[in-house]
């Protein structure tokens, strides 16, 4: 799955993303970018195309992961 497909899926609802963290451990994160769930945020940061910033629906906080660390998307 490429970045555009993943972002589209995240904007439609909850997605479980499995990825390898920097410390080598595996994490499964339930996350979304659905507009009626995430808090509104204005950012002046330059977007890094290798990283996806998402709303973690279990921790109720912004989190990110690298595209090249993803092992599964459900």
PDB file of N, CA and C in Angstrom:
ATOM      1  N   UNK A   1       0.853  -1.174   0.000  1.00  0.00           N
ATOM      2  CA  UNK A   1       0.000   0.000   0.000  1.00  0.00           C
ATOM      3  C   UNK A   1       0.897   1.235   0.000  1.00  0.00           C
ATOM      4  N   UNK A   2       0.591   2.176  -0.882  1.00  0.00           N
ATOM      5  CA  UNK A   2       1.397   3.398  -0.909  1.00  0.00           C
ATOM      6  C   UNK A   2       0.811   4.450   0.036  1.00  0.00           C
ATOM      7  N   UNK A   3       1.513   5.550   0.183  1.00  0.00           N
ATOM      8  CA  UNK A   3       1.134   6.614   1.129  1.00  0.00           C
ATOM      9  C   UNK A   3      -0.247   7.183   0.817  1.00  0.00           C
ATOM     10  N   UNK A   4      -0.535   7.440  -0.453  1.00  0.00           N
ATOM     11  CA  UNK A   4      -1.828   8.016  -0.834  1.00  0.00           C
ATOM     12  C   UNK A   4      -2.970   7.066  -0.471  1.00  0.00           C
ATOM     13  N   UNK A   5      -2.814   5.785  -0.759  1.00  0.00           N
ATOM     14  CA  UNK A   5      -3.850   4.803  -0.410  1.00  0.00           C
ATOM     15  C   UNK A   5      -4.058   4.735   1.096  1.00  0.00           C
ATOM     16  N   UNK A   6      -2.960   4.757   1.849  1.00  0.00           N
ATOM     17  CA  UNK A   6      -3.048   4.684   3.308  1.00  0.00           C
ATOM     18  C   UNK A   6      -3.765   5.906   3.862  1.00  0.00           C
ATOM     19  N   UNK A   7      -3.402   7.087   3.415  1.00  0.00           N
ATOM     20  CA  UNK A   7      -4.035   8.327   3.893  1.00  0.00           C
ATOM     21  C   UNK A   7      -5.530   8.314   3.561  1.00  0.00           C
ATOM     22  N   UNK A   8      -5.886   7.852   2.367  1.00  0.00           N
ATOM     23  CA  UNK A   8      -7.297   7.762   1.971  1.00  0.00           C
ATOM     24  C   UNK A   8      -8.052   6.839   2.913  1.00  0.00           C
ATOM     25  N   UNK A   9      -7.472   5.694   3.209  1.00  0.00           N
ATOM     26  CA  UNK A   9      -8.100   4.730   4.111  1.00  0.00           C
ATOM     27  C   UNK A   9      -8.236   5.310   5.524  1.00  0.00           C
ATOM     28  N   UNK A  10      -7.208   6.018   5.991  1.00  0.00           N
ATOM     29  CA  UNK A  10      -7.243   6.630   7.319  1.00  0.00           C
ATOM     30  C   UNK A  10      -8.314   7.718   7.408  1.00  0.00           C
ATOM     31  N   UNK A  11      -8.541   8.447   6.331  1.00  0.00           N
ATOM     32  CA  UNK A  11      -9.563   9.499   6.324  1.00  0.00           C
ATOM     33  C   UNK A  11     -10.980   8.923   6.323  1.00  0.00           C
ATOM     34  N   UNK A  12     -11.116   7.648   5.957  1.00  0.00           N
ATOM     35  CA  UNK A  12     -12.431   7.005   5.925  1.00  0.00           C
ATOM     36  C   UNK A  12     -12.828   6.417   7.274  1.00  0.00           C
ATOM     37  N   UNK A  13     -11.859   6.114   8.147  1.00  0.00           N
ATOM     38  CA  UNK A  13     -12.191   5.534   9.438  1.00  0.00           C
ATOM     39  C   UNK A  13     -10.986   4.952  10.139  1.00  0.00           C
ATOM     40  N   UNK A  14     -11.257   4.061  11.109  1.00  0.00           N
ATOM     41  CA  UNK A  14     -10.193   3.445  11.895  1.00  0.00           C
ATOM     42  C   UNK A  14      -9.429   2.414  11.074  1.00  0.00           C
ATOM     43  N   UNK A  15      -8.113   2.412  11.268  1.00  0.00           N
ATOM     44  CA  UNK A  15      -7.223   1.485  10.578  1.00  0.00           C
ATOM     45  C   UNK A  15      -6.242   0.938  11.620  1.00  0.00           C
ATOM     46  N   UNK A  16      -5.955  -0.358  11.550  1.00  0.00           N
ATOM     47  CA  UNK A  16      -4.914  -0.948  12.399  1.00  0.00           C
ATOM     48  C   UNK A  16      -3.642  -1.054  11.570  1.00  0.00           C
ATOM     49  N   UNK A  17      -2.605  -0.367  12.034  1.00  0.00           N
ATOM     50  CA  UNK A  17      -1.331  -0.370  11.324  1.00  0.00           C
ATOM     51  C   UNK A  17      -0.297  -1.072  12.203  1.00  0.00           C
ATOM     52  N   UNK A  18       0.341  -2.093  11.656  1.00  0.00           N
ATOM     53  CA  UNK A  18       1.424  -2.787  12.350  1.00  0.00           C
ATOM     54  C   UNK A  18       2.729  -2.285  11.751  1.00  0.00           C
ATOM     55  N   UNK A  19       3.641  -1.883  12.628  1.00  0.00           N
ATOM     56  CA  UNK A  19       4.923  -1.363  12.154  1.00  0.00           C
ATOM     57  C   UNK A  19       6.012  -1.683  13.161  1.00  0.00           C
ATOM     58  N   UNK A  20       7.248  -1.559  12.715  1.00  0.00           N
ATOM     59  CA  UNK A  20       8.400  -1.780  13.575  1.00  0.00           C
ATOM     60  C   UNK A  20       8.891  -0.429  14.082  1.00  0.00           C
ATOM     61  N   UNK A  21       8.929  -0.296  15.402  1.00  0.00           N
ATOM     62  CA  UNK A  21       9.377   0.956  16.011  1.00  0.00           C
ATOM     63  C   UNK A  21      10.886   1.096  15.869  1.00  0.00           C
ATOM     64  N   UNK A  22      11.395   2.297  16.135  1.00  0.00           N
ATOM     65  CA  UNK A  22      12.837   2.555  16.030  1.00  0.00           C
ATOM     66  C   UNK A  22      13.658   1.623  16.906  1.00  0.00           C
ATOM     67  N   UNK A  23      13.091   1.219  18.066  1.00  0.00           N
ATOM     68  CA  UNK A  23      13.836   0.331  18.971  1.00  0.00           C
ATOM     69  C   UNK A  23      13.772  -1.136  18.549  1.00  0.00           C
ATOM     70  N   UNK A  24      13.107  -1.419  17.415  1.00  0.00           N
ATOM     71  CA  UNK A  24      13.048  -2.776  16.890  1.00  0.00           C
ATOM     72  C   UNK A  24      11.827  -3.570  17.311  1.00  0.00           C
ATOM     73  N   UNK A  25      11.020  -3.033  18.235  1.00  0.00           N
ATOM     74  CA  UNK A  25       9.825  -3.741  18.669  1.00  0.00           C
ATOM     75  C   UNK A  25       8.684  -3.495  17.692  1.00  0.00           C
ATOM     76  N   UNK A  26       7.737  -4.433  17.678  1.00  0.00           N
ATOM     77  CA  UNK A  26       6.580  -4.310  16.795  1.00  0.00           C
ATOM     78  C   UNK A  26       5.433  -3.652  17.547  1.00  0.00           C
ATOM     79  N   UNK A  27       4.695  -2.819  16.858  1.00  0.00           N
ATOM     80  CA  UNK A  27       3.538  -2.153  17.469  1.00  0.00           C
ATOM     81  C   UNK A  27       2.353  -2.224  16.528  1.00  0.00           C
ATOM     82  N   UNK A  28       1.178  -2.471  17.104  1.00  0.00           N
ATOM     83  CA  UNK A  28      -0.070  -2.395  16.359  1.00  0.00           C
ATOM     84  C   UNK A  28      -0.798  -1.166  16.888  1.00  0.00           C
ATOM     85  N   UNK A  29      -1.068  -0.215  16.009  1.00  0.00           N
ATOM     86  CA  UNK A  29      -1.724   1.026  16.407  1.00  0.00           C
ATOM     87  C   UNK A  29      -3.064   1.148  15.689  1.00  0.00           C
ATOM     88  N   UNK A  30      -4.113   1.393  16.468  1.00  0.00           N
ATOM     89  CA  UNK A  30      -5.411   1.713  15.888  1.00  0.00           C
ATOM     90  C   UNK A  30      -5.430   3.223  15.732  1.00  0.00           C
ATOM     91  N   UNK A  31      -5.597   3.673  14.482  1.00  0.00           N
ATOM     92  CA  UNK A  31      -5.470   5.102  14.222  1.00  0.00           C
ATOM     93  C   UNK A  31      -6.426   5.548  13.126  1.00  0.00           C
ATOM     94  N   UNK A  32      -6.537   6.868  12.982  1.00  0.00           N
ATOM     95  CA  UNK A  32      -7.441   7.444  11.990  1.00  0.00           C
ATOM     96  C   UNK A  32      -6.982   8.841  11.608  1.00  0.00           C
ATOM     97  N   UNK A  33      -7.536   9.325  10.526  1.00  0.00           N
ATOM     98  CA  UNK A  33      -7.440  10.734  10.132  1.00  0.00           C
ATOM     99  C   UNK A  33      -8.834  11.251   9.784  1.00  0.00           C
ATOM    100  N   UNK A  34      -9.859  10.545  10.259  1.00  0.00           N
ATOM    101  CA  UNK A  34     -11.240  10.931   9.987  1.00  0.00           C
ATOM    102  C   UNK A  34     -11.516  12.278  10.664  1.00  0.00           C
ATOM    103  N   UNK A  35     -11.979  13.233   9.875  1.00  0.00           N
ATOM    104  CA  UNK A  35     -12.099  14.613  10.346  1.00  0.00           C
ATOM    105  C   UNK A  35     -13.011  14.803  11.552  1.00  0.00           C
ATOM    106  N   UNK A  36     -14.057  13.993  11.694  1.00  0.00           N
ATOM    107  CA  UNK A  36     -14.955  14.183  12.837  1.00  0.00           C
ATOM    108  C   UNK A  36     -14.430  13.525  14.116  1.00  0.00           C
ATOM    109  N   UNK A  37     -13.262  12.883  14.053  1.00  0.00           N
ATOM    110  CA  UNK A  37     -12.665  12.231  15.221  1.00  0.00           C
ATOM    111  C   UNK A  37     -11.438  12.995  15.720  1.00  0.00           C
ATOM    112  N   UNK A  38     -10.622  13.492  14.801  1.00  0.00           N
ATOM    113  CA  UNK A  38      -9.372  14.138  15.194  1.00  0.00           C
ATOM    114  C   UNK A  38      -9.597  15.583  15.621  1.00  0.00           C
ATOM    115  N   UNK A  39      -8.764  16.070  16.540  1.00  0.00           N
ATOM    116  CA  UNK A  39      -8.861  17.483  16.905  1.00  0.00           C
ATOM    117  C   UNK A  39      -8.302  18.344  15.773  1.00  0.00           C
ATOM    118  N   UNK A  40      -8.826  19.549  15.629  1.00  0.00           N
ATOM    119  CA  UNK A  40      -8.320  20.421  14.569  1.00  0.00           C
ATOM    120  C   UNK A  40      -6.955  20.956  14.975  1.00  0.00           C
ATOM    121  N   UNK A  41      -6.052  20.942  14.009  1.00  0.00           N
ATOM    122  CA  UNK A  41      -4.684  21.372  14.271  1.00  0.00           C
ATOM    123  C   UNK A  41      -4.180  22.153  13.070  1.00  0.00           C
ATOM    124  N   UNK A  42      -3.515  23.246  13.350  1.00  0.00           N
ATOM    125  CA  UNK A  42      -2.848  23.989  12.288  1.00  0.00           C
ATOM    126  C   UNK A  42      -1.360  23.820  12.507  1.00  0.00           C
ATOM    127  N   UNK A  43      -0.669  23.385  11.471  1.00  0.00           N
ATOM    128  CA  UNK A  43       0.760  23.148  11.603  1.00  0.00           C
ATOM    129  C   UNK A  43       1.511  23.862  10.500  1.00  0.00           C
ATOM    130  N   UNK A  44       2.623  24.442  10.874  1.00  0.00           N
ATOM    131  CA  UNK A  44       3.475  25.083   9.879  1.00  0.00           C
ATOM    132  C   UNK A  44       4.669  24.199   9.541  1.00  0.00           C
ATOM    133  N   UNK A  45       4.679  22.986  10.110  1.00  0.00           N
ATOM    134  CA  UNK A  45       5.775  22.058   9.834  1.00  0.00           C
ATOM    135  C   UNK A  45       5.733  21.589   8.391  1.00  0.00           C
ATOM    136  N   UNK A  46       6.907  21.413   7.823  1.00  0.00           N
ATOM    137  CA  UNK A  46       7.001  20.873   6.478  1.00  0.00           C
ATOM    138  C   UNK A  46       6.698  19.374   6.542  1.00  0.00           C
ATOM    139  N   UNK A  47       5.875  18.906   5.604  1.00  0.00           N
ATOM    140  CA  UNK A  47       5.480  17.507   5.601  1.00  0.00           C
ATOM    141  C   UNK A  47       6.631  16.620   5.140  1.00  0.00           C
ATOM    142  N   UNK A  48       6.861  15.532   5.885  1.00  0.00           N
ATOM    143  CA  UNK A  48       7.866  14.540   5.530  1.00  0.00           C
ATOM    144  C   UNK A  48       7.130  13.378   4.874  1.00  0.00           C
ATOM    145  N   UNK A  49       7.355  13.140   3.588  1.00  0.00           N
ATOM    146  CA  UNK A  49       6.606  12.114   2.864  1.00  0.00           C
ATOM    147  C   UNK A  49       6.931  10.704   3.325  1.00  0.00           C
ATOM    148  N   UNK A  50       8.012  10.519   4.072  1.00  0.00           N
ATOM    149  CA  UNK A  50       8.368   9.204   4.588  1.00  0.00           C
ATOM    150  C   UNK A  50       7.694   8.873   5.902  1.00  0.00           C
ATOM    151  N   UNK A  51       7.020   9.877   6.488  1.00  0.00           N
ATOM    152  CA  UNK A  51       6.389   9.706   7.800  1.00  0.00           C
ATOM    153  C   UNK A  51       4.898  10.035   7.692  1.00  0.00           C
ATOM    154  N   UNK A  52       4.071   9.235   8.370  1.00  0.00           N
ATOM    155  CA  UNK A  52       2.636   9.491   8.417  1.00  0.00           C
ATOM    156  C   UNK A  52       2.267   9.860   9.845  1.00  0.00           C
ATOM    157  N   UNK A  53       1.628  11.008  10.020  1.00  0.00           N
ATOM    158  CA  UNK A  53       1.159  11.462  11.328  1.00  0.00           C
ATOM    159  C   UNK A  53      -0.325  11.130  11.417  1.00  0.00           C
ATOM    160  N   UNK A  54      -0.710  10.432  12.504  1.00  0.00           N
ATOM    161  CA  UNK A  54      -2.085   9.952  12.656  1.00  0.00           C
ATOM    162  C   UNK A  54      -2.586  10.216  14.075  1.00  0.00           C
ATOM    163  N   UNK A  55      -3.888  10.076  14.255  1.00  0.00           N
ATOM    164  CA  UNK A  55      -4.503  10.162  15.575  1.00  0.00           C
ATOM    165  C   UNK A  55      -4.634   8.742  16.113  1.00  0.00           C
ATOM    166  N   UNK A  56      -3.946   8.444  17.219  1.00  0.00           N
ATOM    167  CA  UNK A  56      -4.026   7.134  17.873  1.00  0.00           C
ATOM    168  C   UNK A  56      -5.335   7.098  18.662  1.00  0.00           C
ATOM    169  N   UNK A  57      -6.268   6.251  18.241  1.00  0.00           N
ATOM    170  CA  UNK A  57      -7.604   6.249  18.846  1.00  0.00           C
ATOM    171  C   UNK A  57      -7.634   5.587  20.217  1.00  0.00           C
ATOM    172  N   UNK A  58      -6.602   4.849  20.579  1.00  0.00           N
ATOM    173  CA  UNK A  58      -6.551   4.236  21.914  1.00  0.00           C
ATOM    174  C   UNK A  58      -5.868   5.154  22.931  1.00  0.00           C
ATOM    175  N   UNK A  59      -4.886   5.928  22.488  1.00  0.00           N
ATOM    176  CA  UNK A  59      -4.165   6.834  23.392  1.00  0.00           C
ATOM    177  C   UNK A  59      -4.690   8.262  23.310  1.00  0.00           C
ATOM    178  N   UNK A  60      -5.595   8.514  22.331  1.00  0.00           N
ATOM    179  CA  UNK A  60      -6.126   9.863  22.119  1.00  0.00           C
ATOM    180  C   UNK A  60      -5.007  10.894  22.033  1.00  0.00           C
ATOM    181  N   UNK A  61      -4.070  10.597  21.133  1.00  0.00           N
ATOM    182  CA  UNK A  61      -2.927  11.480  20.956  1.00  0.00           C
ATOM    183  C   UNK A  61      -2.373  11.322  19.538  1.00  0.00           C
ATOM    184  N   UNK A  62      -1.660  12.348  19.086  1.00  0.00           N
ATOM    185  CA  UNK A  62      -1.010  12.284  17.785  1.00  0.00           C
ATOM    186  C   UNK A  62       0.200  11.374  17.882  1.00  0.00           C
ATOM    187  N   UNK A  63       0.380  10.515  16.905  1.00  0.00           N
ATOM    188  CA  UNK A  63       1.522   9.614  16.808  1.00  0.00           C
ATOM    189  C   UNK A  63       1.966   9.572  15.350  1.00  0.00           C
ATOM    190  N   UNK A  64       3.128   9.009  15.108  1.00  0.00           N
ATOM    191  CA  UNK A  64       3.614   8.891  13.728  1.00  0.00           C
ATOM    192  C   UNK A  64       4.388   7.595  13.557  1.00  0.00           C
ATOM    193  N   UNK A  65       4.523   7.207  12.305  1.00  0.00           N
ATOM    194  CA  UNK A  65       5.335   6.050  11.955  1.00  0.00           C
ATOM    195  C   UNK A  65       5.899   6.274  10.564  1.00  0.00           C
ATOM    196  N   UNK A  66       6.979   5.571  10.286  1.00  0.00           N
ATOM    197  CA  UNK A  66       7.618   5.677   8.971  1.00  0.00           C
ATOM    198  C   UNK A  66       6.946   4.715   8.007  1.00  0.00           C
ATOM    199  N   UNK A  67       6.749   5.152   6.786  1.00  0.00           N
ATOM    200  CA  UNK A  67       6.135   4.297   5.762  1.00  0.00           C
ATOM    201  C   UNK A  67       6.931   3.017   5.560  1.00  0.00           C
ATOM    202  N   UNK A  68       8.254   3.103   5.601  1.00  0.00           N
ATOM    203  CA  UNK A  68       9.078   1.930   5.355  1.00  0.00           C
ATOM    204  C   UNK A  68       9.138   0.955   6.525  1.00  0.00           C
ATOM    205  N   UNK A  69       8.474   1.300   7.644  1.00  0.00           N
ATOM    206  CA  UNK A  69       8.462   0.401   8.809  1.00  0.00           C
ATOM    207  C   UNK A  69       7.154  -0.398   8.902  1.00  0.00           C
ATOM    208  N   UNK A  70       6.185  -0.114   8.027  1.00  0.00           N
ATOM    209  CA  UNK A  70       4.885  -0.786   8.073  1.00  0.00           C
ATOM    210  C   UNK A  70       5.020  -2.227   7.606  1.00  0.00           C
ATOM    211  N   UNK A  71       4.425  -3.144   8.413  1.00  0.00           N
ATOM    212  CA  UNK A  71       4.414  -4.554   8.028  1.00  0.00           C
ATOM    213  C   UNK A  71       3.020  -5.057   7.687  1.00  0.00           C
ATOM    214  N   UNK A  72       1.981  -4.340   8.166  1.00  0.00           N
ATOM    215  CA  UNK A  72       0.605  -4.766   7.868  1.00  0.00           C
ATOM    216  C   UNK A  72      -0.363  -3.605   8.094  1.00  0.00           C
ATOM    217  N   UNK A  73      -1.418  -3.566   7.272  1.00  0.00           N
ATOM    218  CA  UNK A  73      -2.484  -2.566   7.417  1.00  0.00           C
ATOM    219  C   UNK A  73      -3.807  -3.296   7.285  1.00  0.00           C
ATOM    220  N   UNK A  74      -4.674  -3.135   8.297  1.00  0.00           N
ATOM    221  CA  UNK A  74      -5.996  -3.781   8.275  1.00  0.00           C
ATOM    222  C   UNK A  74      -7.053  -2.728   8.529  1.00  0.00           C
TER     223      UNK A  74
END
